[in-house]
Amino acid sequence: MITIEERDLLISELETQLHTGREELALWSCLLFVYRHSRLKGVREIYGRIYSLSLWGYPLKASSSGTPKLDETMLHFTDVMIQSLRENDVGRCGSAVKELIGWQFPAAEQYLRNQEIGLDELRLTPAIRLMVTTLQN
């Protein structure tokens, strides 16, 4: 359980990202928040792993010069997270994270394919393969 002050700090951080056009940082802020504040070691490990796996996507955004769909998706995610946190709707927060990650991995794969980088070249680690397979189901 987090305190109201901790929740309000996350809301403030997400609002700042929203107002400064840095919504791409919202997912990382949320993942790190759960990693830092969860009392359950297993949850901290999972969110820490998702955070570390998602870091490789940041250079893709820079090299792709962004896309309207990505910007729109991140804006929507940030809005949903802020609203869900204000309403203390933890389930909706979790669903928003799952939905976003489920969209990001296939989008990143498609971008890499458009750059003529085949899946065999990516040499996905078992953890990433498992995540991609799980999210597609």
N, C-alpha and C. Protein backbone atom coordinates (compact mmCIF):
# COMPACT_ATOMS: atom_id res chain seq x y z
N MET A 1 0.84 -1.17 0.00
CA MET A 1 0.00 0.00 0.00
C MET A 1 0.89 1.24 0.00
N ILE A 2 0.56 2.18 -0.85
CA ILE A 2 1.33 3.41 -0.91
C ILE A 2 0.58 4.51 -0.15
N THR A 3 1.33 5.49 0.24
CA THR A 3 0.70 6.60 0.94
C THR A 3 0.08 7.56 -0.09
N ILE A 4 -0.81 8.39 0.40
CA ILE A 4 -1.43 9.40 -0.46
C ILE A 4 -0.37 10.35 -1.01
N GLU A 5 0.61 10.66 -0.19
CA GLU A 5 1.69 11.55 -0.62
C GLU A 5 2.50 10.93 -1.75
N GLU A 6 2.81 9.63 -1.63
CA GLU A 6 3.57 8.94 -2.69
C GLU A 6 2.77 8.92 -3.99
N ARG A 7 1.48 8.61 -3.88
CA ARG A 7 0.61 8.60 -5.06
C ARG A 7 0.56 9.98 -5.70
N ASP A 8 0.40 11.01 -4.86
CA ASP A 8 0.32 12.38 -5.38
C ASP A 8 1.63 12.80 -6.06
N LEU A 9 2.76 12.31 -5.55
CA LEU A 9 4.04 12.61 -6.21
C LEU A 9 4.11 11.97 -7.59
N LEU A 10 3.60 10.75 -7.72
CA LEU A 10 3.59 10.11 -9.04
C LEU A 10 2.64 10.86 -9.98
N ILE A 11 1.48 11.23 -9.49
CA ILE A 11 0.54 12.01 -10.30
C ILE A 11 1.20 13.30 -10.77
N SER A 12 1.88 13.98 -9.86
CA SER A 12 2.56 15.23 -10.20
C SER A 12 3.63 15.01 -11.26
N GLU A 13 4.39 13.93 -11.11
CA GLU A 13 5.43 13.61 -12.09
C GLU A 13 4.81 13.35 -13.47
N LEU A 14 3.72 12.59 -13.51
CA LEU A 14 3.05 12.30 -14.78
C LEU A 14 2.45 13.56 -15.39
N GLU A 15 1.88 14.43 -14.56
CA GLU A 15 1.33 15.69 -15.07
C GLU A 15 2.42 16.57 -15.65
N THR A 16 3.57 16.60 -15.00
CA THR A 16 4.70 17.38 -15.51
C THR A 16 5.12 16.84 -16.87
N GLN A 17 5.21 15.52 -16.99
CA GLN A 17 5.57 14.92 -18.27
C GLN A 17 4.53 15.26 -19.34
N LEU A 18 3.27 15.25 -18.95
CA LEU A 18 2.19 15.57 -19.87
C LEU A 18 2.30 17.02 -20.36
N HIS A 19 2.56 17.93 -19.44
CA HIS A 19 2.60 19.36 -19.78
C HIS A 19 3.89 19.76 -20.49
N THR A 20 4.92 18.97 -20.38
CA THR A 20 6.19 19.29 -21.04
C THR A 20 6.40 18.49 -22.32
N GLY A 21 5.41 17.68 -22.69
CA GLY A 21 5.53 16.89 -23.91
C GLY A 21 6.47 15.71 -23.78
N ARG A 22 6.70 15.23 -22.58
CA ARG A 22 7.62 14.10 -22.35
C ARG A 22 6.87 12.85 -21.92
N GLU A 23 5.71 12.60 -22.54
CA GLU A 23 4.88 11.47 -22.17
C GLU A 23 5.59 10.13 -22.35
N GLU A 24 6.62 10.10 -23.20
CA GLU A 24 7.34 8.83 -23.41
C GLU A 24 8.00 8.34 -22.13
N LEU A 25 8.15 9.21 -21.15
CA LEU A 25 8.76 8.83 -19.88
C LEU A 25 7.75 8.27 -18.88
N ALA A 26 6.46 8.38 -19.19
CA ALA A 26 5.41 8.01 -18.24
C ALA A 26 5.47 6.53 -17.86
N LEU A 27 5.64 5.66 -18.84
CA LEU A 27 5.70 4.23 -18.53
C LEU A 27 6.86 3.94 -17.59
N TRP A 28 8.02 4.50 -17.89
CA TRP A 28 9.18 4.26 -17.03
C TRP A 28 8.95 4.78 -15.63
N SER A 29 8.31 5.94 -15.52
CA SER A 29 8.00 6.49 -14.19
C SER A 29 7.11 5.54 -13.41
N CYS A 30 6.11 4.98 -14.09
CA CYS A 30 5.18 4.06 -13.42
C CYS A 30 5.87 2.76 -13.03
N LEU A 31 6.68 2.23 -13.93
CA LEU A 31 7.39 0.98 -13.62
C LEU A 31 8.35 1.17 -12.45
N LEU A 32 9.08 2.26 -12.47
CA LEU A 32 10.02 2.54 -11.37
C LEU A 32 9.29 2.78 -10.06
N PHE A 33 8.13 3.42 -10.13
CA PHE A 33 7.34 3.67 -8.94
C PHE A 33 6.95 2.36 -8.27
N VAL A 34 6.42 1.43 -9.06
CA VAL A 34 6.03 0.13 -8.51
C VAL A 34 7.26 -0.60 -7.99
N TYR A 35 8.35 -0.55 -8.73
CA TYR A 35 9.59 -1.20 -8.31
C TYR A 35 10.06 -0.65 -6.96
N ARG A 36 9.97 0.63 -6.77
CA ARG A 36 10.45 1.25 -5.54
C ARG A 36 9.49 1.09 -4.35
N HIS A 37 8.21 1.01 -4.61
CA HIS A 37 7.24 1.09 -3.53
C HIS A 37 6.51 -0.21 -3.20
N SER A 38 6.64 -1.23 -4.02
CA SER A 38 5.94 -2.47 -3.71
C SER A 38 6.60 -3.17 -2.53
N ARG A 39 5.76 -3.71 -1.66
CA ARG A 39 6.29 -4.47 -0.52
C ARG A 39 6.60 -5.90 -0.91
N LEU A 40 6.10 -6.33 -2.07
CA LEU A 40 6.31 -7.71 -2.51
C LEU A 40 7.55 -7.82 -3.39
N LYS A 41 8.48 -8.63 -2.96
CA LYS A 41 9.73 -8.79 -3.69
C LYS A 41 9.49 -9.27 -5.12
N GLY A 42 8.58 -10.20 -5.31
CA GLY A 42 8.29 -10.72 -6.64
C GLY A 42 7.78 -9.64 -7.58
N VAL A 43 6.93 -8.77 -7.08
CA VAL A 43 6.40 -7.67 -7.88
C VAL A 43 7.54 -6.71 -8.23
N ARG A 44 8.40 -6.41 -7.27
CA ARG A 44 9.55 -5.53 -7.55
C ARG A 44 10.44 -6.13 -8.62
N GLU A 45 10.68 -7.43 -8.57
CA GLU A 45 11.52 -8.08 -9.57
C GLU A 45 10.89 -8.01 -10.95
N ILE A 46 9.59 -8.28 -11.03
CA ILE A 46 8.90 -8.26 -12.32
C ILE A 46 8.92 -6.85 -12.92
N TYR A 47 8.56 -5.86 -12.14
CA TYR A 47 8.53 -4.49 -12.66
C TYR A 47 9.93 -3.98 -12.97
N GLY A 48 10.91 -4.37 -12.19
CA GLY A 48 12.29 -4.01 -12.50
C GLY A 48 12.75 -4.63 -13.80
N ARG A 49 12.35 -5.86 -14.05
CA ARG A 49 12.71 -6.54 -15.30
C ARG A 49 12.02 -5.89 -16.50
N ILE A 50 10.74 -5.59 -16.35
CA ILE A 50 10.01 -4.92 -17.45
C ILE A 50 10.65 -3.57 -17.73
N TYR A 51 11.01 -2.85 -16.69
CA TYR A 51 11.67 -1.56 -16.86
C TYR A 51 12.97 -1.73 -17.66
N SER A 52 13.80 -2.67 -17.25
CA SER A 52 15.08 -2.83 -17.94
C SER A 52 14.89 -3.29 -19.38
N LEU A 53 13.90 -4.14 -19.63
CA LEU A 53 13.64 -4.59 -21.00
C LEU A 53 13.12 -3.46 -21.88
N SER A 54 12.40 -2.53 -21.28
CA SER A 54 11.81 -1.46 -22.08
C SER A 54 12.83 -0.37 -22.44
N LEU A 55 13.94 -0.32 -21.76
CA LEU A 55 14.93 0.73 -22.04
C LEU A 55 15.50 0.65 -23.46
N TRP A 56 15.56 -0.55 -24.02
CA TRP A 56 16.12 -0.67 -25.37
C TRP A 56 15.25 0.03 -26.40
N GLY A 57 14.01 0.33 -26.08
CA GLY A 57 13.12 0.97 -27.03
C GLY A 57 13.36 2.47 -27.19
N TYR A 58 14.01 3.09 -26.23
CA TYR A 58 14.20 4.54 -26.31
C TYR A 58 15.01 4.96 -27.54
N PRO A 59 16.10 4.28 -27.87
CA PRO A 59 16.83 4.65 -29.10
C PRO A 59 15.99 4.48 -30.37
N LEU A 60 15.04 3.53 -30.34
CA LEU A 60 14.17 3.36 -31.51
C LEU A 60 13.33 4.60 -31.73
N LYS A 61 12.81 5.17 -30.67
CA LYS A 61 12.00 6.37 -30.79
C LYS A 61 12.84 7.51 -31.37
N ALA A 62 14.05 7.65 -30.89
CA ALA A 62 14.93 8.71 -31.38
C ALA A 62 15.27 8.51 -32.85
N SER A 63 15.54 7.29 -33.24
CA SER A 63 15.93 7.04 -34.63
C SER A 63 14.74 7.08 -35.58
N SER A 64 13.53 6.89 -35.05
CA SER A 64 12.35 6.93 -35.91
C SER A 64 11.77 8.33 -36.02
N SER A 65 12.33 9.27 -35.28
CA SER A 65 11.82 10.64 -35.21
C SER A 65 10.39 10.68 -34.70
N GLY A 66 10.00 9.66 -33.98
CA GLY A 66 8.66 9.60 -33.41
C GLY A 66 7.60 9.37 -34.48
N THR A 67 6.46 9.00 -34.04
CA THR A 67 5.33 8.82 -34.95
C THR A 67 4.09 9.39 -34.27
N PRO A 68 3.15 9.87 -35.06
CA PRO A 68 1.92 10.38 -34.45
C PRO A 68 1.21 9.32 -33.61
N LYS A 69 1.21 8.06 -34.07
CA LYS A 69 0.54 6.99 -33.33
C LYS A 69 1.21 6.78 -31.98
N LEU A 70 2.54 6.78 -31.95
CA LEU A 70 3.26 6.61 -30.69
C LEU A 70 2.96 7.77 -29.75
N ASP A 71 3.01 8.98 -30.27
CA ASP A 71 2.74 10.15 -29.44
C ASP A 71 1.32 10.10 -28.88
N GLU A 72 0.37 9.74 -29.74
CA GLU A 72 -1.02 9.63 -29.31
C GLU A 72 -1.21 8.54 -28.25
N THR A 73 -0.55 7.42 -28.45
CA THR A 73 -0.64 6.30 -27.51
C THR A 73 -0.06 6.68 -26.15
N MET A 74 1.08 7.34 -26.15
CA MET A 74 1.71 7.74 -24.89
C MET A 74 0.89 8.83 -24.18
N LEU A 75 0.31 9.74 -24.95
CA LEU A 75 -0.55 10.76 -24.36
C LEU A 75 -1.76 10.11 -23.70
N HIS A 76 -2.38 9.16 -24.39
CA HIS A 76 -3.53 8.45 -23.84
C HIS A 76 -3.14 7.69 -22.57
N PHE A 77 -2.02 6.98 -22.62
CA PHE A 77 -1.54 6.22 -21.46
C PHE A 77 -1.35 7.14 -20.25
N THR A 78 -0.70 8.26 -20.47
CA THR A 78 -0.43 9.18 -19.37
C THR A 78 -1.74 9.72 -18.79
N ASP A 79 -2.68 10.08 -19.65
CA ASP A 79 -3.99 10.55 -19.18
C ASP A 79 -4.70 9.48 -18.36
N VAL A 80 -4.70 8.24 -18.87
CA VAL A 80 -5.38 7.15 -18.16
C VAL A 80 -4.73 6.90 -16.80
N MET A 81 -3.41 6.92 -16.76
CA MET A 81 -2.72 6.69 -15.50
C MET A 81 -3.04 7.78 -14.48
N ILE A 82 -3.03 9.03 -14.90
CA ILE A 82 -3.33 10.12 -13.99
C ILE A 82 -4.75 9.98 -13.44
N GLN A 83 -5.69 9.74 -14.33
CA GLN A 83 -7.09 9.59 -13.89
C GLN A 83 -7.25 8.38 -12.98
N SER A 84 -6.65 7.26 -13.34
CA SER A 84 -6.77 6.04 -12.54
C SER A 84 -6.14 6.21 -11.16
N LEU A 85 -5.00 6.88 -11.10
CA LEU A 85 -4.36 7.13 -9.81
C LEU A 85 -5.22 8.04 -8.94
N ARG A 86 -5.79 9.06 -9.54
CA ARG A 86 -6.67 9.95 -8.77
C ARG A 86 -7.87 9.21 -8.20
N GLU A 87 -8.36 8.22 -8.96
CA GLU A 87 -9.53 7.44 -8.53
C GLU A 87 -9.14 6.21 -7.72
N ASN A 88 -7.84 6.04 -7.44
CA ASN A 88 -7.32 4.88 -6.73
C ASN A 88 -7.73 3.57 -7.40
N ASP A 89 -7.77 3.55 -8.72
CA ASP A 89 -8.15 2.37 -9.49
C ASP A 89 -6.89 1.63 -9.93
N VAL A 90 -6.37 0.81 -9.03
CA VAL A 90 -5.13 0.09 -9.28
C VAL A 90 -5.28 -0.89 -10.44
N GLY A 91 -6.44 -1.54 -10.53
CA GLY A 91 -6.68 -2.48 -11.63
C GLY A 91 -6.59 -1.81 -12.98
N ARG A 92 -7.15 -0.61 -13.08
CA ARG A 92 -7.09 0.12 -14.35
C ARG A 92 -5.66 0.54 -14.66
N CYS A 93 -4.89 0.88 -13.64
CA CYS A 93 -3.47 1.21 -13.86
C CYS A 93 -2.74 0.01 -14.45
N GLY A 94 -2.95 -1.16 -13.86
CA GLY A 94 -2.30 -2.38 -14.35
C GLY A 94 -2.73 -2.70 -15.78
N SER A 95 -4.00 -2.53 -16.07
CA SER A 95 -4.50 -2.79 -17.43
C SER A 95 -3.89 -1.82 -18.44
N ALA A 96 -3.73 -0.57 -18.03
CA ALA A 96 -3.13 0.43 -18.93
C ALA A 96 -1.68 0.08 -19.25
N VAL A 97 -0.94 -0.36 -18.24
CA VAL A 97 0.46 -0.76 -18.46
C VAL A 97 0.51 -1.97 -19.40
N LYS A 98 -0.32 -2.97 -19.14
CA LYS A 98 -0.35 -4.16 -19.99
C LYS A 98 -0.70 -3.82 -21.43
N GLU A 99 -1.71 -2.98 -21.59
CA GLU A 99 -2.14 -2.58 -22.94
C GLU A 99 -1.02 -1.84 -23.68
N LEU A 100 -0.36 -0.93 -22.99
CA LEU A 100 0.71 -0.15 -23.62
C LEU A 100 1.86 -1.06 -24.04
N ILE A 101 2.30 -1.92 -23.14
CA ILE A 101 3.41 -2.81 -23.46
C ILE A 101 3.01 -3.76 -24.59
N GLY A 102 1.76 -4.21 -24.55
CA GLY A 102 1.27 -5.09 -25.62
C GLY A 102 1.25 -4.42 -26.98
N TRP A 103 1.14 -3.11 -27.00
CA TRP A 103 1.19 -2.35 -28.25
C TRP A 103 2.63 -2.04 -28.64
N GLN A 104 3.46 -1.71 -27.66
CA GLN A 104 4.82 -1.25 -27.95
C GLN A 104 5.71 -2.33 -28.57
N PHE A 105 5.68 -3.55 -28.04
CA PHE A 105 6.58 -4.57 -28.55
C PHE A 105 6.30 -4.91 -30.02
N PRO A 106 5.06 -5.15 -30.42
CA PRO A 106 4.81 -5.40 -31.85
C PRO A 106 5.16 -4.18 -32.71
N ALA A 107 4.91 -2.96 -32.22
CA ALA A 107 5.24 -1.76 -32.98
C ALA A 107 6.76 -1.65 -33.17
N ALA A 108 7.52 -1.95 -32.13
CA ALA A 108 8.98 -1.92 -32.24
C ALA A 108 9.46 -2.99 -33.21
N GLU A 109 8.85 -4.18 -33.14
CA GLU A 109 9.21 -5.24 -34.08
C GLU A 109 8.96 -4.81 -35.51
N GLN A 110 7.81 -4.19 -35.77
CA GLN A 110 7.48 -3.74 -37.12
C GLN A 110 8.46 -2.67 -37.59
N TYR A 111 8.82 -1.76 -36.71
CA TYR A 111 9.79 -0.72 -37.06
C TYR A 111 11.12 -1.36 -37.47
N LEU A 112 11.58 -2.33 -36.69
CA LEU A 112 12.84 -2.99 -37.00
C LEU A 112 12.75 -3.74 -38.33
N ARG A 113 11.63 -4.37 -38.59
CA ARG A 113 11.45 -5.06 -39.87
C ARG A 113 11.47 -4.06 -41.03
N ASN A 114 10.87 -2.90 -40.82
CA ASN A 114 10.89 -1.86 -41.86
C ASN A 114 12.30 -1.37 -42.13
N GLN A 115 13.17 -1.51 -41.14
CA GLN A 115 14.57 -1.13 -41.29
C GLN A 115 15.40 -2.30 -41.84
N GLU A 116 14.70 -3.36 -42.25
CA GLU A 116 15.30 -4.58 -42.80
C GLU A 116 16.16 -5.32 -41.78
N ILE A 117 15.73 -5.27 -40.55
CA ILE A 117 16.38 -6.04 -39.49
C ILE A 117 15.44 -7.20 -39.17
N GLY A 118 15.87 -8.39 -39.50
CA GLY A 118 15.04 -9.57 -39.29
C GLY A 118 15.04 -10.03 -37.85
N LEU A 119 14.03 -10.80 -37.52
CA LEU A 119 13.93 -11.31 -36.15
C LEU A 119 15.13 -12.17 -35.78
N ASP A 120 15.68 -12.91 -36.75
CA ASP A 120 16.85 -13.73 -36.45
C ASP A 120 18.05 -12.88 -36.06
N GLU A 121 18.12 -11.65 -36.60
CA GLU A 121 19.22 -10.75 -36.27
C GLU A 121 19.07 -10.15 -34.88
N LEU A 122 17.85 -10.08 -34.41
CA LEU A 122 17.62 -9.46 -33.12
C LEU A 122 18.11 -10.32 -31.97
N ARG A 123 18.13 -11.63 -32.21
CA ARG A 123 18.58 -12.57 -31.17
C ARG A 123 17.93 -12.26 -29.83
N LEU A 124 16.62 -12.30 -29.84
CA LEU A 124 15.87 -11.99 -28.63
C LEU A 124 16.26 -12.93 -27.50
N THR A 125 16.38 -12.37 -26.34
CA THR A 125 16.65 -13.19 -25.17
C THR A 125 15.39 -13.99 -24.84
N PRO A 126 15.52 -15.08 -24.12
CA PRO A 126 14.32 -15.84 -23.75
C PRO A 126 13.30 -15.00 -23.01
N ALA A 127 13.74 -14.07 -22.19
CA ALA A 127 12.80 -13.23 -21.42
C ALA A 127 11.97 -12.36 -22.37
N ILE A 128 12.62 -11.77 -23.37
CA ILE A 128 11.89 -10.92 -24.32
C ILE A 128 10.97 -11.78 -25.17
N ARG A 129 11.44 -12.94 -25.63
CA ARG A 129 10.59 -13.84 -26.42
C ARG A 129 9.36 -14.23 -25.63
N LEU A 130 9.54 -14.57 -24.36
CA LEU A 130 8.42 -14.96 -23.52
C LEU A 130 7.43 -13.80 -23.36
N MET A 131 7.95 -12.60 -23.16
CA MET A 131 7.09 -11.44 -22.98
C MET A 131 6.29 -11.18 -24.25
N VAL A 132 6.94 -11.21 -25.40
CA VAL A 132 6.26 -10.97 -26.67
C VAL A 132 5.20 -12.03 -26.90
N THR A 133 5.52 -13.29 -26.67
CA THR A 133 4.57 -14.36 -26.85
C THR A 133 3.40 -14.21 -25.91
N THR A 134 3.66 -13.92 -24.66
CA THR A 134 2.61 -13.77 -23.65
C THR A 134 1.69 -12.60 -23.99
N LEU A 135 2.26 -11.48 -24.43
CA LEU A 135 1.44 -10.32 -24.72
C LEU A 135 0.58 -10.51 -25.97
N GLN A 136 1.03 -11.34 -26.89
CA GLN A 136 0.26 -11.56 -28.11
C GLN A 136 -0.91 -12.49 -27.86
N ASN A 137 -0.92 -13.25 -26.79
CA ASN A 137 -2.02 -14.17 -26.49
C ASN A 137 -3.15 -13.49 -25.82
